[in-house]
Amino acid sequence: MSIFAAHSPEALMEVYETLSTRLVPERKLTEIAFILAGIAALVSIAAASLSVLWFGRIT
């Protein structure tokens, strides 16, 4: 990352003209543990619900 300093409007325009105008893809690592924990929670709730329905524990 570059930092530019401009002390006048002309210098600022020069800085803007030298900046890249195209998008550059950037690879980032994404934390997915919370997604897996959410899926595990949903599967656990579904399993508990099916167990209650299967064995008829609610009267």
C-alpha atoms as a PDB file:
ATOM      1  CA  MET A   1       0.000   0.000   0.000  1.00  0.00           C
ATOM      2  CA  SER A   2       1.356   3.383  -0.928  1.00  0.00           C
ATOM      3  CA  ILE A   3       0.633   6.639   0.825  1.00  0.00           C
ATOM      4  CA  PHE A   4       0.780   9.865  -1.135  1.00  0.00           C
ATOM      5  CA  ALA A   5       1.109  13.372   0.265  1.00  0.00           C
ATOM      6  CA  ALA A   6      -0.049  16.398  -1.720  1.00  0.00           C
ATOM      7  CA  HIS A   7       0.635  19.942  -0.567  1.00  0.00           C
ATOM      8  CA  SER A   8      -1.212  21.742  -3.352  1.00  0.00           C
ATOM      9  CA  PRO A   9      -4.204  21.121  -5.616  1.00  0.00           C
ATOM     10  CA  GLU A  10      -1.859  20.560  -8.567  1.00  0.00           C
ATOM     11  CA  ALA A  11       0.119  17.959  -6.647  1.00  0.00           C
ATOM     12  CA  LEU A  12      -3.132  16.269  -5.646  1.00  0.00           C
ATOM     13  CA  MET A  13      -4.246  16.042  -9.270  1.00  0.00           C
ATOM     14  CA  GLU A  14      -0.874  14.532 -10.162  1.00  0.00           C
ATOM     15  CA  VAL A  15      -1.305  11.902  -7.446  1.00  0.00           C
ATOM     16  CA  TYR A  16      -4.783  11.014  -8.711  1.00  0.00           C
ATOM     17  CA  GLU A  17      -3.485  10.676 -12.264  1.00  0.00           C
ATOM     18  CA  THR A  18      -0.829   8.190 -11.178  1.00  0.00           C
ATOM     19  CA  LEU A  19      -3.252   5.963  -9.265  1.00  0.00           C
ATOM     20  CA  SER A  20      -4.367   2.756 -10.923  1.00  0.00           C
ATOM     21  CA  THR A  21      -7.939   2.877 -12.208  1.00  0.00           C
ATOM     22  CA  ARG A  22      -8.482  -0.852 -12.579  1.00  0.00           C
ATOM     23  CA  LEU A  23      -9.628  -3.332  -9.969  1.00  0.00           C
ATOM     24  CA  VAL A  24      -7.029  -5.767  -8.760  1.00  0.00           C
ATOM     25  CA  PRO A  25      -8.264  -9.059  -7.272  1.00  0.00           C
ATOM     26  CA  GLU A  26      -6.866  -9.858  -3.862  1.00  0.00           C
ATOM     27  CA  ARG A  27      -6.907 -13.281  -2.242  1.00  0.00           C
ATOM     28  CA  LYS A  28      -7.810 -13.358   1.438  1.00  0.00           C
ATOM     29  CA  LEU A  29      -8.223 -16.168   3.900  1.00  0.00           C
ATOM     30  CA  THR A  30     -11.738 -16.312   5.303  1.00  0.00           C
ATOM     31  CA  GLU A  31     -12.604 -17.798   8.670  1.00  0.00           C
ATOM     32  CA  ILE A  32     -15.292 -20.457   8.182  1.00  0.00           C
ATOM     33  CA  ALA A  33     -15.362 -22.009  11.657  1.00  0.00           C
ATOM     34  CA  PHE A  34     -18.501 -20.043  12.564  1.00  0.00           C
ATOM     35  CA  ILE A  35     -20.275 -21.449   9.484  1.00  0.00           C
ATOM     36  CA  LEU A  36     -19.372 -25.009  10.454  1.00  0.00           C
ATOM     37  CA  ALA A  37     -20.456 -24.360  14.060  1.00  0.00           C
ATOM     38  CA  GLY A  38     -23.790 -23.016  12.807  1.00  0.00           C
ATOM     39  CA  ILE A  39     -24.345 -26.053  10.606  1.00  0.00           C
ATOM     40  CA  ALA A  40     -23.486 -28.344  13.538  1.00  0.00           C
ATOM     41  CA  ALA A  41     -25.966 -26.490  15.760  1.00  0.00           C
ATOM     42  CA  LEU A  42     -28.727 -26.830  13.146  1.00  0.00           C
ATOM     43  CA  VAL A  43     -28.019 -30.545  12.705  1.00  0.00           C
ATOM     44  CA  SER A  44     -28.107 -31.027  16.496  1.00  0.00           C
ATOM     45  CA  ILE A  45     -31.445 -29.214  16.780  1.00  0.00           C
ATOM     46  CA  ALA A  46     -32.867 -31.259  13.905  1.00  0.00           C
ATOM     47  CA  ALA A  47     -31.633 -34.496  15.495  1.00  0.00           C
ATOM     48  CA  ALA A  48     -33.148 -33.581  18.865  1.00  0.00           C
ATOM     49  CA  SER A  49     -36.455 -32.647  17.235  1.00  0.00           C
ATOM     50  CA  LEU A  50     -36.618 -35.887  15.280  1.00  0.00           C
ATOM     51  CA  SER A  51     -35.745 -37.866  18.408  1.00  0.00           C
ATOM     52  CA  VAL A  52     -38.577 -36.231  20.319  1.00  0.00           C
ATOM     53  CA  LEU A  53     -41.004 -36.963  17.484  1.00  0.00           C
ATOM     54  CA  TRP A  54     -39.764 -40.535  17.015  1.00  0.00           C
ATOM     55  CA  PHE A  55     -39.897 -41.572  20.670  1.00  0.00           C
ATOM     56  CA  GLY A  56     -42.908 -39.422  21.626  1.00  0.00           C
ATOM     57  CA  ARG A  57     -41.360 -37.935  24.774  1.00  0.00           C
ATOM     58  CA  ILE A  58     -43.697 -34.913  24.750  1.00  0.00           C
ATOM     59  CA  THR A  59     -47.090 -35.621  26.277  1.00  0.00           C
END
